[in-house]
N, C-alpha and C. Protein backbone atom coordinates (compact mmCIF):
# COMPACT_ATOMS: atom_id res chain seq x y z
N UNK A 1 109.81 65.59 117.16
CA UNK A 1 110.09 67.01 117.05
C UNK A 1 110.36 67.62 118.43
N UNK A 2 109.63 67.16 119.42
CA UNK A 2 109.84 67.66 120.78
C UNK A 2 111.23 67.28 121.28
N UNK A 3 111.65 66.07 120.97
CA UNK A 3 112.98 65.63 121.38
C UNK A 3 114.07 66.50 120.74
N UNK A 4 113.90 66.83 119.48
CA UNK A 4 114.87 67.69 118.79
C UNK A 4 114.90 69.06 119.47
N UNK A 5 113.74 69.61 119.76
CA UNK A 5 113.67 70.93 120.42
C UNK A 5 114.40 70.91 121.76
N UNK A 6 114.22 69.86 122.51
CA UNK A 6 114.89 69.74 123.81
C UNK A 6 116.40 69.64 123.63
N UNK A 7 116.84 68.86 122.67
CA UNK A 7 118.28 68.72 122.42
C UNK A 7 118.89 70.02 121.92
N UNK A 8 118.13 70.75 121.11
CA UNK A 8 118.62 72.04 120.61
C UNK A 8 118.81 73.00 121.78
N UNK A 9 117.87 73.04 122.70
CA UNK A 9 118.00 73.93 123.86
C UNK A 9 119.28 73.63 124.64
N UNK A 10 119.55 72.38 124.87
CA UNK A 10 120.77 71.99 125.58
C UNK A 10 122.00 72.37 124.77
N UNK A 11 121.98 72.10 123.48
CA UNK A 11 123.10 72.41 122.60
C UNK A 11 123.37 73.92 122.57
N UNK A 12 122.32 74.71 122.46
CA UNK A 12 122.50 76.16 122.46
C UNK A 12 123.13 76.63 123.77
N UNK A 13 122.61 76.14 124.86
CA UNK A 13 123.10 76.58 126.17
C UNK A 13 124.54 76.17 126.42
N UNK A 14 124.87 74.93 126.09
CA UNK A 14 126.20 74.42 126.42
C UNK A 14 127.27 74.73 125.37
N UNK A 15 126.89 74.73 124.11
CA UNK A 15 127.88 74.81 123.03
C UNK A 15 127.89 76.11 122.24
N UNK A 16 126.74 76.67 121.99
CA UNK A 16 126.69 77.84 121.11
C UNK A 16 126.81 79.15 121.88
N UNK A 17 125.99 79.36 122.88
CA UNK A 17 125.98 80.64 123.59
C UNK A 17 127.36 81.00 124.15
N UNK A 18 128.10 80.05 124.75
CA UNK A 18 129.44 80.41 125.26
C UNK A 18 130.44 80.78 124.16
N UNK A 19 130.16 80.42 122.91
CA UNK A 19 131.11 80.64 121.83
C UNK A 19 130.81 81.91 121.02
N UNK A 20 129.72 82.58 121.33
CA UNK A 20 129.38 83.78 120.56
C UNK A 20 130.38 84.88 120.87
N UNK A 21 130.78 85.59 119.83
CA UNK A 21 131.75 86.67 119.99
C UNK A 21 131.14 87.84 120.75
N UNK A 22 131.86 88.38 121.74
CA UNK A 22 131.35 89.54 122.48
C UNK A 22 130.99 90.70 121.55
N UNK A 23 131.80 90.93 120.53
CA UNK A 23 131.52 92.02 119.59
C UNK A 23 130.22 91.81 118.84
N UNK A 24 129.93 90.57 118.51
CA UNK A 24 128.67 90.26 117.83
C UNK A 24 127.47 90.50 118.71
N UNK A 25 127.58 90.08 119.97
CA UNK A 25 126.49 90.32 120.92
C UNK A 25 126.28 91.82 121.12
N UNK A 26 127.38 92.56 121.20
CA UNK A 26 127.28 94.02 121.35
C UNK A 26 126.64 94.66 120.12
N UNK A 27 126.95 94.13 118.94
CA UNK A 27 126.38 94.69 117.72
C UNK A 27 124.89 94.43 117.64
N UNK A 28 124.45 93.24 118.01
CA UNK A 28 123.02 92.94 118.05
C UNK A 28 122.33 93.87 119.04
N UNK A 29 122.93 94.06 120.20
CA UNK A 29 122.35 94.96 121.21
C UNK A 29 122.26 96.39 120.68
N UNK A 30 123.30 96.85 119.96
CA UNK A 30 123.28 98.20 119.39
C UNK A 30 122.12 98.35 118.40
N UNK A 31 121.96 97.35 117.52
CA UNK A 31 120.87 97.42 116.54
C UNK A 31 119.51 97.45 117.25
N UNK A 32 119.39 96.68 118.30
CA UNK A 32 118.12 96.68 119.05
C UNK A 32 117.89 98.04 119.70
N UNK A 33 118.94 98.66 120.25
CA UNK A 33 118.82 100.00 120.85
C UNK A 33 118.41 101.05 119.82
N UNK A 34 118.83 100.84 118.57
CA UNK A 34 118.49 101.76 117.49
C UNK A 34 117.10 101.48 116.92
N UNK A 35 116.42 100.50 117.47
CA UNK A 35 115.09 100.06 117.01
C UNK A 35 115.14 99.51 115.58
N UNK A 36 116.28 98.94 115.20
CA UNK A 36 116.40 98.29 113.90
C UNK A 36 115.77 96.90 113.99
N UNK A 37 115.21 96.45 112.91
CA UNK A 37 114.74 95.08 112.82
C UNK A 37 115.97 94.19 112.66
N UNK A 38 116.08 93.19 113.50
CA UNK A 38 117.24 92.30 113.43
C UNK A 38 116.79 90.91 112.99
N UNK A 39 117.50 90.39 112.00
CA UNK A 39 117.16 89.11 111.40
C UNK A 39 118.43 88.27 111.27
N UNK A 40 118.38 87.06 111.76
CA UNK A 40 119.47 86.12 111.53
C UNK A 40 119.10 85.31 110.30
N UNK A 41 120.02 85.25 109.35
CA UNK A 41 119.82 84.43 108.15
C UNK A 41 120.95 83.42 108.13
N UNK A 42 120.59 82.16 108.18
CA UNK A 42 121.61 81.12 108.29
C UNK A 42 121.28 79.93 107.39
N UNK A 43 122.33 79.27 106.91
CA UNK A 43 122.16 78.05 106.13
C UNK A 43 121.79 76.87 107.03
N UNK A 44 121.94 77.02 108.32
CA UNK A 44 121.53 75.96 109.24
C UNK A 44 120.01 75.82 109.23
N UNK A 45 119.54 74.77 109.86
CA UNK A 45 118.09 74.55 109.84
C UNK A 45 117.38 75.43 110.86
N UNK A 46 116.11 75.64 110.59
CA UNK A 46 115.29 76.50 111.44
C UNK A 46 115.20 75.97 112.87
N UNK A 47 115.32 74.66 113.04
CA UNK A 47 115.23 74.08 114.39
C UNK A 47 116.31 74.63 115.31
N UNK A 48 117.43 75.02 114.75
CA UNK A 48 118.53 75.60 115.53
C UNK A 48 118.49 77.12 115.50
N UNK A 49 118.25 77.69 114.34
CA UNK A 49 118.38 79.13 114.16
C UNK A 49 117.26 79.92 114.84
N UNK A 50 116.05 79.43 114.77
CA UNK A 50 114.93 80.16 115.39
C UNK A 50 115.10 80.30 116.91
N UNK A 51 115.42 79.21 117.63
CA UNK A 51 115.64 79.38 119.07
C UNK A 51 116.84 80.28 119.40
N UNK A 52 117.88 80.22 118.57
CA UNK A 52 119.03 81.11 118.78
C UNK A 52 118.61 82.56 118.62
N UNK A 53 117.88 82.86 117.57
CA UNK A 53 117.42 84.24 117.34
C UNK A 53 116.57 84.73 118.51
N UNK A 54 115.73 83.87 119.03
CA UNK A 54 114.89 84.25 120.19
C UNK A 54 115.77 84.56 121.39
N UNK A 55 116.78 83.74 121.64
CA UNK A 55 117.68 83.97 122.77
C UNK A 55 118.41 85.30 122.64
N UNK A 56 118.72 85.69 121.40
CA UNK A 56 119.44 86.94 121.17
C UNK A 56 118.51 88.15 121.07
N UNK A 57 117.22 87.91 121.12
CA UNK A 57 116.25 89.01 121.05
C UNK A 57 116.06 89.54 119.64
N UNK A 58 116.37 88.74 118.64
CA UNK A 58 116.19 89.17 117.26
C UNK A 58 114.71 89.10 116.87
N UNK A 59 114.38 89.87 115.86
CA UNK A 59 112.99 89.93 115.42
C UNK A 59 112.57 88.74 114.57
N UNK A 60 113.53 88.15 113.87
CA UNK A 60 113.18 87.04 112.99
C UNK A 60 114.41 86.19 112.72
N UNK A 61 114.14 85.00 112.21
CA UNK A 61 115.20 84.09 111.77
C UNK A 61 114.77 83.47 110.46
N UNK A 62 115.67 83.49 109.49
CA UNK A 62 115.42 82.86 108.20
C UNK A 62 116.42 81.74 108.06
N UNK A 63 115.92 80.54 107.89
CA UNK A 63 116.77 79.36 107.85
C UNK A 63 116.07 78.28 107.04
N UNK A 64 116.81 77.28 106.68
CA UNK A 64 116.24 76.17 105.92
C UNK A 64 115.27 75.39 106.79
N UNK A 65 114.06 75.22 106.29
CA UNK A 65 113.02 74.48 107.02
C UNK A 65 113.10 73.00 106.67
N UNK A 66 112.76 72.18 107.63
CA UNK A 66 112.69 70.74 107.39
C UNK A 66 111.24 70.32 107.28
N UNK A 67 111.00 69.42 106.37
CA UNK A 67 109.68 68.86 106.17
C UNK A 67 109.26 68.08 107.41
N UNK A 68 107.96 68.16 107.73
CA UNK A 68 107.43 67.45 108.90
C UNK A 68 106.28 66.55 108.47
N UNK A 69 106.20 65.41 109.12
CA UNK A 69 105.13 64.48 108.82
C UNK A 69 104.82 63.68 110.08
N UNK A 70 103.58 63.68 110.49
CA UNK A 70 103.14 62.91 111.66
C UNK A 70 103.97 63.23 112.90
N UNK A 71 104.29 64.52 113.11
CA UNK A 71 105.01 64.93 114.30
C UNK A 71 106.50 64.61 114.28
N UNK A 72 107.03 64.27 113.12
CA UNK A 72 108.44 63.94 112.98
C UNK A 72 109.03 64.68 111.79
N UNK A 73 110.33 64.88 111.84
CA UNK A 73 111.02 65.45 110.70
C UNK A 73 111.33 64.33 109.72
N UNK A 74 111.13 64.59 108.42
CA UNK A 74 111.40 63.57 107.42
C UNK A 74 112.86 63.54 107.00
N UNK A 75 113.58 64.63 107.30
CA UNK A 75 114.97 64.73 106.86
C UNK A 75 115.10 65.48 105.55
N UNK A 76 113.98 65.82 104.94
CA UNK A 76 113.98 66.56 103.69
C UNK A 76 113.78 68.04 103.95
N UNK A 77 114.51 68.86 103.21
CA UNK A 77 114.32 70.31 103.31
C UNK A 77 113.08 70.70 102.51
N UNK A 78 112.48 71.82 102.92
CA UNK A 78 111.35 72.34 102.15
C UNK A 78 111.50 73.86 102.02
N UNK A 79 110.96 74.38 100.96
CA UNK A 79 111.02 75.82 100.76
C UNK A 79 112.40 76.27 100.32
N UNK A 80 112.66 77.54 100.53
CA UNK A 80 113.92 78.15 100.12
C UNK A 80 115.07 77.64 100.97
N UNK A 81 116.14 77.19 100.32
CA UNK A 81 117.35 76.78 101.02
C UNK A 81 118.16 78.04 101.28
N UNK A 82 118.42 78.35 102.51
CA UNK A 82 119.07 79.61 102.87
C UNK A 82 120.59 79.46 102.82
N UNK A 83 121.07 79.18 101.63
CA UNK A 83 122.50 79.04 101.38
C UNK A 83 122.83 79.85 100.14
N UNK A 84 123.93 80.61 100.19
CA UNK A 84 124.38 81.46 99.09
C UNK A 84 123.24 82.37 98.64
N UNK A 85 122.85 82.28 97.36
CA UNK A 85 121.79 83.14 96.83
C UNK A 85 120.46 82.93 97.55
N UNK A 86 120.30 81.77 98.14
CA UNK A 86 119.06 81.46 98.86
C UNK A 86 118.85 82.36 100.07
N UNK A 87 119.93 82.86 100.67
CA UNK A 87 119.77 83.79 101.80
C UNK A 87 119.11 85.08 101.34
N UNK A 88 119.57 85.61 100.23
CA UNK A 88 118.99 86.84 99.70
C UNK A 88 117.55 86.59 99.24
N UNK A 89 117.31 85.46 98.62
CA UNK A 89 115.96 85.10 98.20
C UNK A 89 115.02 85.02 99.40
N UNK A 90 115.47 84.36 100.46
CA UNK A 90 114.64 84.23 101.66
C UNK A 90 114.35 85.60 102.27
N UNK A 91 115.36 86.47 102.28
CA UNK A 91 115.15 87.82 102.82
C UNK A 91 114.13 88.58 101.99
N UNK A 92 114.25 88.49 100.67
CA UNK A 92 113.28 89.19 99.81
C UNK A 92 111.88 88.63 99.98
N UNK A 93 111.76 87.32 100.14
CA UNK A 93 110.45 86.71 100.40
C UNK A 93 109.88 87.21 101.73
N UNK A 94 110.72 87.30 102.74
CA UNK A 94 110.29 87.74 104.06
C UNK A 94 109.88 89.21 104.02
N UNK A 95 110.62 90.03 103.28
CA UNK A 95 110.32 91.46 103.19
C UNK A 95 109.05 91.74 102.40
N UNK A 96 108.73 90.88 101.45
CA UNK A 96 107.57 91.13 100.60
C UNK A 96 107.79 92.38 99.76
N UNK A 97 106.86 93.32 99.86
CA UNK A 97 106.95 94.56 99.08
C UNK A 97 107.84 95.62 99.72
N UNK A 98 108.31 95.35 100.93
CA UNK A 98 109.17 96.32 101.62
C UNK A 98 110.53 96.36 100.92
N UNK A 99 110.98 97.55 100.53
CA UNK A 99 112.29 97.62 99.85
C UNK A 99 113.45 97.32 100.80
N UNK A 100 114.51 96.81 100.24
CA UNK A 100 115.73 96.53 101.00
C UNK A 100 116.48 97.86 101.11
N UNK A 101 116.29 98.56 102.22
CA UNK A 101 116.90 99.88 102.40
C UNK A 101 117.44 100.01 103.82
N UNK A 102 118.46 100.84 103.96
CA UNK A 102 119.12 101.07 105.25
C UNK A 102 119.39 99.74 105.95
N UNK A 103 120.27 98.97 105.33
CA UNK A 103 120.52 97.62 105.82
C UNK A 103 122.00 97.39 106.12
N UNK A 104 122.23 96.54 107.09
CA UNK A 104 123.56 96.10 107.48
C UNK A 104 123.61 94.59 107.24
N UNK A 105 124.79 94.11 106.92
CA UNK A 105 124.97 92.67 106.79
C UNK A 105 126.30 92.28 107.38
N UNK A 106 126.35 91.12 108.00
CA UNK A 106 127.55 90.63 108.67
C UNK A 106 127.78 89.18 108.27
N UNK A 107 128.99 88.85 107.88
CA UNK A 107 129.29 87.47 107.53
C UNK A 107 130.79 87.21 107.62
N UNK A 108 131.12 85.93 107.74
CA UNK A 108 132.52 85.51 107.73
C UNK A 108 132.84 84.68 106.49
N UNK A 109 131.87 84.50 105.60
CA UNK A 109 132.03 83.54 104.52
C UNK A 109 131.76 84.11 103.13
N UNK A 110 132.57 83.68 102.18
CA UNK A 110 132.37 84.03 100.76
C UNK A 110 131.02 83.56 100.28
N UNK A 111 130.45 82.56 100.93
CA UNK A 111 129.13 82.05 100.53
C UNK A 111 128.03 83.10 100.69
N UNK A 112 128.30 84.12 101.49
CA UNK A 112 127.29 85.14 101.74
C UNK A 112 127.45 86.38 100.86
N UNK A 113 128.29 86.30 99.84
CA UNK A 113 128.50 87.45 98.95
C UNK A 113 127.20 88.00 98.36
N UNK A 114 126.28 87.16 97.87
CA UNK A 114 125.05 87.73 97.32
C UNK A 114 124.30 88.60 98.33
N UNK A 115 124.26 88.17 99.57
CA UNK A 115 123.58 88.95 100.60
C UNK A 115 124.38 90.20 100.94
N UNK A 116 125.67 90.08 101.12
CA UNK A 116 126.50 91.24 101.46
C UNK A 116 126.48 92.28 100.34
N UNK A 117 126.41 91.85 99.10
CA UNK A 117 126.37 92.79 97.98
C UNK A 117 125.03 93.52 97.90
N UNK A 118 124.00 92.97 98.52
CA UNK A 118 122.66 93.57 98.46
C UNK A 118 122.40 94.58 99.57
N UNK A 119 123.17 94.55 100.65
CA UNK A 119 122.93 95.47 101.76
C UNK A 119 123.74 96.74 101.58
N UNK A 120 123.32 97.79 102.27
CA UNK A 120 124.03 99.07 102.19
C UNK A 120 125.35 99.07 102.94
N UNK A 121 125.38 98.37 104.07
CA UNK A 121 126.56 98.40 104.93
C UNK A 121 127.06 96.99 105.20
N UNK A 122 127.83 96.43 104.25
CA UNK A 122 128.35 95.07 104.45
C UNK A 122 129.55 95.07 105.39
N UNK A 123 129.63 94.01 106.20
CA UNK A 123 130.74 93.84 107.14
C UNK A 123 131.28 92.42 107.02
N UNK A 124 132.57 92.30 106.88
CA UNK A 124 133.23 90.99 106.85
C UNK A 124 133.81 90.76 108.25
N UNK A 125 133.26 89.82 108.96
CA UNK A 125 133.64 89.56 110.35
C UNK A 125 134.51 88.31 110.41
N UNK A 126 135.74 88.46 110.84
CA UNK A 126 136.68 87.33 110.89
C UNK A 126 136.54 86.52 109.59
N UNK A 127 136.70 87.17 108.44
CA UNK A 127 136.35 86.55 107.16
C UNK A 127 137.31 85.47 106.70
N UNK A 128 136.75 84.56 105.88
CA UNK A 128 137.61 83.59 105.21
C UNK A 128 138.50 84.37 104.23
N UNK A 129 139.59 83.77 103.74
CA UNK A 129 140.53 84.52 102.90
C UNK A 129 139.90 85.15 101.65
N UNK A 130 138.99 84.47 101.00
CA UNK A 130 138.36 85.02 99.80
C UNK A 130 137.52 86.24 100.15
N UNK A 131 136.70 86.12 101.19
CA UNK A 131 135.87 87.26 101.59
C UNK A 131 136.74 88.42 102.07
N UNK A 132 137.82 88.12 102.77
CA UNK A 132 138.72 89.19 103.24
C UNK A 132 139.28 89.97 102.05
N UNK A 133 139.69 89.27 101.00
CA UNK A 133 140.23 89.94 99.83
C UNK A 133 139.19 90.82 99.15
N UNK A 134 137.98 90.32 99.02
CA UNK A 134 136.90 91.10 98.40
C UNK A 134 136.56 92.30 99.27
N UNK A 135 136.48 92.10 100.57
CA UNK A 135 136.16 93.20 101.49
C UNK A 135 137.20 94.30 101.40
N UNK A 136 138.47 93.93 101.34
CA UNK A 136 139.53 94.94 101.21
C UNK A 136 139.39 95.71 99.90
N UNK A 137 139.16 94.99 98.80
CA UNK A 137 139.01 95.63 97.49
C UNK A 137 137.85 96.61 97.47
N UNK A 138 136.77 96.26 98.15
CA UNK A 138 135.56 97.07 98.09
C UNK A 138 135.44 98.06 99.24
N UNK A 139 136.40 98.02 100.15
CA UNK A 139 136.37 98.95 101.27
C UNK A 139 135.31 98.65 102.31
N UNK A 140 134.95 97.39 102.42
CA UNK A 140 133.96 97.01 103.42
C UNK A 140 134.59 96.99 104.81
N UNK A 141 133.79 97.28 105.80
CA UNK A 141 134.25 97.21 107.19
C UNK A 141 134.64 95.78 107.53
N UNK A 142 135.72 95.64 108.32
CA UNK A 142 136.17 94.32 108.78
C UNK A 142 136.52 94.37 110.26
N UNK A 143 135.54 94.68 111.11
CA UNK A 143 135.84 94.73 112.55
C UNK A 143 136.10 93.33 113.11
N UNK A 144 136.85 93.27 114.17
CA UNK A 144 137.06 92.01 114.86
C UNK A 144 136.06 91.93 116.01
N UNK A 145 135.38 90.83 116.12
CA UNK A 145 134.39 90.66 117.19
C UNK A 145 134.94 89.77 118.30
N UNK A 146 136.18 89.39 118.23
CA UNK A 146 136.72 88.47 119.24
C UNK A 146 136.94 89.17 120.55
C-alpha cells in the first residue's frame, strides 16, 4: 500500500496536475472562496482521488475503495462503486441526513447524468456528444475550462 501511495504521488505530480484545466482550478478556488463544501466524486479508486482532492484543497473525495488485507490491496472493490448512479448514492451516503441543497455539479460524461440531474446547478464541461445534447436541451451551463 505504501508503494502505491508513493507511485500515486509521482503520477499526480507528473501526469495529472499539469493536465488540469485552468478553468477547473479557478472554479474550485471560487467555491472555496465562497466557503462552499467541495467534493470530488470520481469512478477512479480512492488511492488516486483522495490525494488529488487534498492537493486541490477540497473538503472530501468520494471514490471506489479497494479492499485491503495484510497491508496490501486485494484488487477487489468494496462498498459503493462510484460510477453512474453510484456517484449519487455515495454522495447521499456521505451527506447522511443533510439535504442535497444549493449544489453545483460538473462533468464531461453522460455517465454522470444521475448526479447532474440531482444538483441545482449542473454544468457540462467539455462534454461528450450525448451529454452536450442533453445539456443544450435542458439549458445547462457549458463553460469551457480549457
